[in-house]
Amino acid sequence: MFIPKGYYTSQGYTGFLPDGSRMAFPTQEEYIDYVEELHSAA
């Protein structure tokens, strides 16, 4: 099970994706929504 994790930056929130890459989001909420969507699509 993938555990969402990331960190805040001056631009917003940077989250780690399940494949190990990083992606910037405006908020942590959007990051979590995105990751959950990836999982439900898989």
PDB file of N, CA and C in Angstrom:
ATOM      1  N   MET A   1       0.851  -1.202   0.000  1.00  0.00           N
ATOM      2  CA  MET A   1       0.000   0.000   0.000  1.00  0.00           C
ATOM      3  C   MET A   1       0.880   1.244   0.000  1.00  0.00           C
ATOM      4  N   PHE A   2       0.601   2.142  -0.917  1.00  0.00           N
ATOM      5  CA  PHE A   2       1.376   3.375  -1.014  1.00  0.00           C
ATOM      6  C   PHE A   2       0.935   4.354   0.067  1.00  0.00           C
ATOM      7  N   ILE A   3       1.889   4.917   0.792  1.00  0.00           N
ATOM      8  CA  ILE A   3       1.597   5.941   1.800  1.00  0.00           C
ATOM      9  C   ILE A   3       1.920   7.304   1.189  1.00  0.00           C
ATOM     10  N   PRO A   4       0.916   8.178   1.012  1.00  0.00           N
ATOM     11  CA  PRO A   4       1.205   9.494   0.453  1.00  0.00           C
ATOM     12  C   PRO A   4       2.145  10.278   1.359  1.00  0.00           C
ATOM     13  N   LYS A   5       3.173  10.856   0.768  1.00  0.00           N
ATOM     14  CA  LYS A   5       4.032  11.731   1.555  1.00  0.00           C
ATOM     15  C   LYS A   5       4.648  12.787   0.658  1.00  0.00           C
ATOM     16  N   GLY A   6       5.012  13.891   1.275  1.00  0.00           N
ATOM     17  CA  GLY A   6       5.550  15.000   0.516  1.00  0.00           C
ATOM     18  C   GLY A   6       5.956  16.090   1.475  1.00  0.00           C
ATOM     19  N   TYR A   7       6.131  17.276   0.945  1.00  0.00           N
ATOM     20  CA  TYR A   7       6.576  18.382   1.777  1.00  0.00           C
ATOM     21  C   TYR A   7       6.104  19.699   1.186  1.00  0.00           C
ATOM     22  N   TYR A   8       5.978  20.703   2.046  1.00  0.00           N
ATOM     23  CA  TYR A   8       5.573  22.026   1.597  1.00  0.00           C
ATOM     24  C   TYR A   8       6.769  22.796   1.061  1.00  0.00           C
ATOM     25  N   THR A   9       6.518  23.585   0.020  1.00  0.00           N
ATOM     26  CA  THR A   9       7.532  24.486  -0.516  1.00  0.00           C
ATOM     27  C   THR A   9       6.896  25.866  -0.612  1.00  0.00           C
ATOM     28  N   SER A  10       7.666  26.849  -0.999  1.00  0.00           N
ATOM     29  CA  SER A  10       7.108  28.191  -1.150  1.00  0.00           C
ATOM     30  C   SER A  10       6.076  28.243  -2.283  1.00  0.00           C
ATOM     31  N   GLN A  11       6.141  27.293  -3.207  1.00  0.00           N
ATOM     32  CA  GLN A  11       5.194  27.260  -4.326  1.00  0.00           C
ATOM     33  C   GLN A  11       3.927  26.483  -4.004  1.00  0.00           C
ATOM     34  N   GLY A  12       3.911  25.714  -2.920  1.00  0.00           N
ATOM     35  CA  GLY A  12       2.754  24.887  -2.621  1.00  0.00           C
ATOM     36  C   GLY A  12       3.194  23.603  -1.945  1.00  0.00           C
ATOM     37  N   TYR A  13       2.759  22.467  -2.506  1.00  0.00           N
ATOM     38  CA  TYR A  13       3.055  21.178  -1.893  1.00  0.00           C
ATOM     39  C   TYR A  13       3.672  20.268  -2.943  1.00  0.00           C
ATOM     40  N   THR A  14       4.768  19.618  -2.600  1.00  0.00           N
ATOM     41  CA  THR A  14       5.387  18.655  -3.506  1.00  0.00           C
ATOM     42  C   THR A  14       5.153  17.267  -2.943  1.00  0.00           C
ATOM     43  N   GLY A  15       4.522  16.417  -3.731  1.00  0.00           N
ATOM     44  CA  GLY A  15       4.212  15.068  -3.273  1.00  0.00           C
ATOM     45  C   GLY A  15       4.967  14.032  -4.067  1.00  0.00           C
ATOM     46  N   PHE A  16       5.247  12.907  -3.410  1.00  0.00           N
ATOM     47  CA  PHE A  16       5.881  11.781  -4.089  1.00  0.00           C
ATOM     48  C   PHE A  16       4.810  10.869  -4.656  1.00  0.00           C
ATOM     49  N   LEU A  17       4.987  10.481  -5.911  1.00  0.00           N
ATOM     50  CA  LEU A  17       4.045   9.569  -6.547  1.00  0.00           C
ATOM     51  C   LEU A  17       4.511   8.127  -6.326  1.00  0.00           C
ATOM     52  N   PRO A  18       3.578   7.163  -6.507  1.00  0.00           N
ATOM     53  CA  PRO A  18       3.945   5.752  -6.260  1.00  0.00           C
ATOM     54  C   PRO A  18       5.150   5.283  -7.066  1.00  0.00           C
ATOM     55  N   ASP A  19       5.400   5.863  -8.236  1.00  0.00           N
ATOM     56  CA  ASP A  19       6.550   5.417  -9.038  1.00  0.00           C
ATOM     57  C   ASP A  19       7.855   6.081  -8.612  1.00  0.00           C
ATOM     58  N   GLY A  20       7.804   6.903  -7.561  1.00  0.00           N
ATOM     59  CA  GLY A  20       9.022   7.517  -7.049  1.00  0.00           C
ATOM     60  C   GLY A  20       9.274   8.927  -7.559  1.00  0.00           C
ATOM     61  N   SER A  21       8.481   9.373  -8.528  1.00  0.00           N
ATOM     62  CA  SER A  21       8.689  10.722  -9.034  1.00  0.00           C
ATOM     63  C   SER A  21       8.020  11.743  -8.114  1.00  0.00           C
ATOM     64  N   ARG A  22       8.370  13.002  -8.319  1.00  0.00           N
ATOM     65  CA  ARG A  22       7.783  14.079  -7.522  1.00  0.00           C
ATOM     66  C   ARG A  22       6.913  14.931  -8.423  1.00  0.00           C
ATOM     67  N   MET A  23       5.870  15.486  -7.845  1.00  0.00           N
ATOM     68  CA  MET A  23       4.981  16.344  -8.605  1.00  0.00           C
ATOM     69  C   MET A  23       4.500  17.463  -7.695  1.00  0.00           C
ATOM     70  N   ALA A  24       4.418  18.677  -8.224  1.00  0.00           N
ATOM     71  CA  ALA A  24       3.992  19.827  -7.423  1.00  0.00           C
ATOM     72  C   ALA A  24       2.477  19.996  -7.495  1.00  0.00           C
ATOM     73  N   PHE A  25       1.875  20.326  -6.371  1.00  0.00           N
ATOM     74  CA  PHE A  25       0.443  20.582  -6.272  1.00  0.00           C
ATOM     75  C   PHE A  25       0.231  21.880  -5.498  1.00  0.00           C
ATOM     76  N   PRO A  26      -0.909  22.541  -5.724  1.00  0.00           N
ATOM     77  CA  PRO A  26      -1.192  23.761  -4.968  1.00  0.00           C
ATOM     78  C   PRO A  26      -1.366  23.490  -3.469  1.00  0.00           C
ATOM     79  N   THR A  27      -1.979  22.333  -3.136  1.00  0.00           N
ATOM     80  CA  THR A  27      -2.250  22.000  -1.735  1.00  0.00           C
ATOM     81  C   THR A  27      -2.014  20.521  -1.491  1.00  0.00           C
ATOM     82  N   GLN A  28      -1.876  20.151  -0.238  1.00  0.00           N
ATOM     83  CA  GLN A  28      -1.722  18.743   0.112  1.00  0.00           C
ATOM     84  C   GLN A  28      -2.992  17.966  -0.225  1.00  0.00           C
ATOM     85  N   GLU A  29      -4.155  18.611  -0.055  1.00  0.00           N
ATOM     86  CA  GLU A  29      -5.432  17.969  -0.396  1.00  0.00           C
ATOM     87  C   GLU A  29      -5.433  17.505  -1.850  1.00  0.00           C
ATOM     88  N   GLU A  30      -4.995  18.376  -2.753  1.00  0.00           N
ATOM     89  CA  GLU A  30      -5.016  18.023  -4.170  1.00  0.00           C
ATOM     90  C   GLU A  30      -4.070  16.864  -4.451  1.00  0.00           C
ATOM     91  N   TYR A  31      -2.953  16.850  -3.762  1.00  0.00           N
ATOM     92  CA  TYR A  31      -2.007  15.744  -3.911  1.00  0.00           C
ATOM     93  C   TYR A  31      -2.654  14.426  -3.497  1.00  0.00           C
ATOM     94  N   ILE A  32      -3.300  14.426  -2.339  1.00  0.00           N
ATOM     95  CA  ILE A  32      -3.930  13.197  -1.850  1.00  0.00           C
ATOM     96  C   ILE A  32      -5.050  12.755  -2.792  1.00  0.00           C
ATOM     97  N   ASP A  33      -5.845  13.700  -3.277  1.00  0.00           N
ATOM     98  CA  ASP A  33      -6.896  13.354  -4.236  1.00  0.00           C
ATOM     99  C   ASP A  33      -6.304  12.722  -5.490  1.00  0.00           C
ATOM    100  N   TYR A  34      -5.214  13.291  -5.968  1.00  0.00           N
ATOM    101  CA  TYR A  34      -4.571  12.790  -7.181  1.00  0.00           C
ATOM    102  C   TYR A  34      -4.074  11.362  -6.986  1.00  0.00           C
ATOM    103  N   VAL A  35      -3.413  11.125  -5.853  1.00  0.00           N
ATOM    104  CA  VAL A  35      -2.879   9.787  -5.581  1.00  0.00           C
ATOM    105  C   VAL A  35      -4.016   8.776  -5.427  1.00  0.00           C
ATOM    106  N   GLU A  36      -5.093   9.173  -4.755  1.00  0.00           N
ATOM    107  CA  GLU A  36      -6.232   8.261  -4.603  1.00  0.00           C
ATOM    108  C   GLU A  36      -6.852   7.941  -5.963  1.00  0.00           C
ATOM    109  N   GLU A  37      -6.889   8.927  -6.837  1.00  0.00           N
ATOM    110  CA  GLU A  37      -7.425   8.704  -8.172  1.00  0.00           C
ATOM    111  C   GLU A  37      -6.564   7.730  -8.956  1.00  0.00           C
ATOM    112  N   LEU A  38      -5.233   7.869  -8.813  1.00  0.00           N
ATOM    113  CA  LEU A  38      -4.321   6.934  -9.478  1.00  0.00           C
ATOM    114  C   LEU A  38      -4.597   5.506  -9.011  1.00  0.00           C
ATOM    115  N   HIS A  39      -4.832   5.343  -7.718  1.00  0.00           N
ATOM    116  CA  HIS A  39      -5.060   4.008  -7.168  1.00  0.00           C
ATOM    117  C   HIS A  39      -6.383   3.430  -7.600  1.00  0.00           C
ATOM    118  N   SER A  40      -7.432   4.245  -7.646  1.00  0.00           N
ATOM    119  CA  SER A  40      -8.733   3.717  -8.050  1.00  0.00           C
ATOM    120  C   SER A  40      -8.745   3.385  -9.537  1.00  0.00           C
ATOM    121  N   ALA A  41      -7.904   4.055 -10.320  1.00  0.00           N
ATOM    122  CA  ALA A  41      -7.846   3.781 -11.755  1.00  0.00           C
ATOM    123  C   ALA A  41      -7.051   2.511 -12.064  1.00  0.00           C
ATOM    124  N   ALA A  42      -6.131   2.162 -11.189  1.00  0.00           N
ATOM    125  CA  ALA A  42      -5.256   1.011 -11.443  1.00  0.00           C
ATOM    126  C   ALA A  42      -6.006  -0.313 -11.336  1.00  0.00           C
TER     127      ALA A  42
END
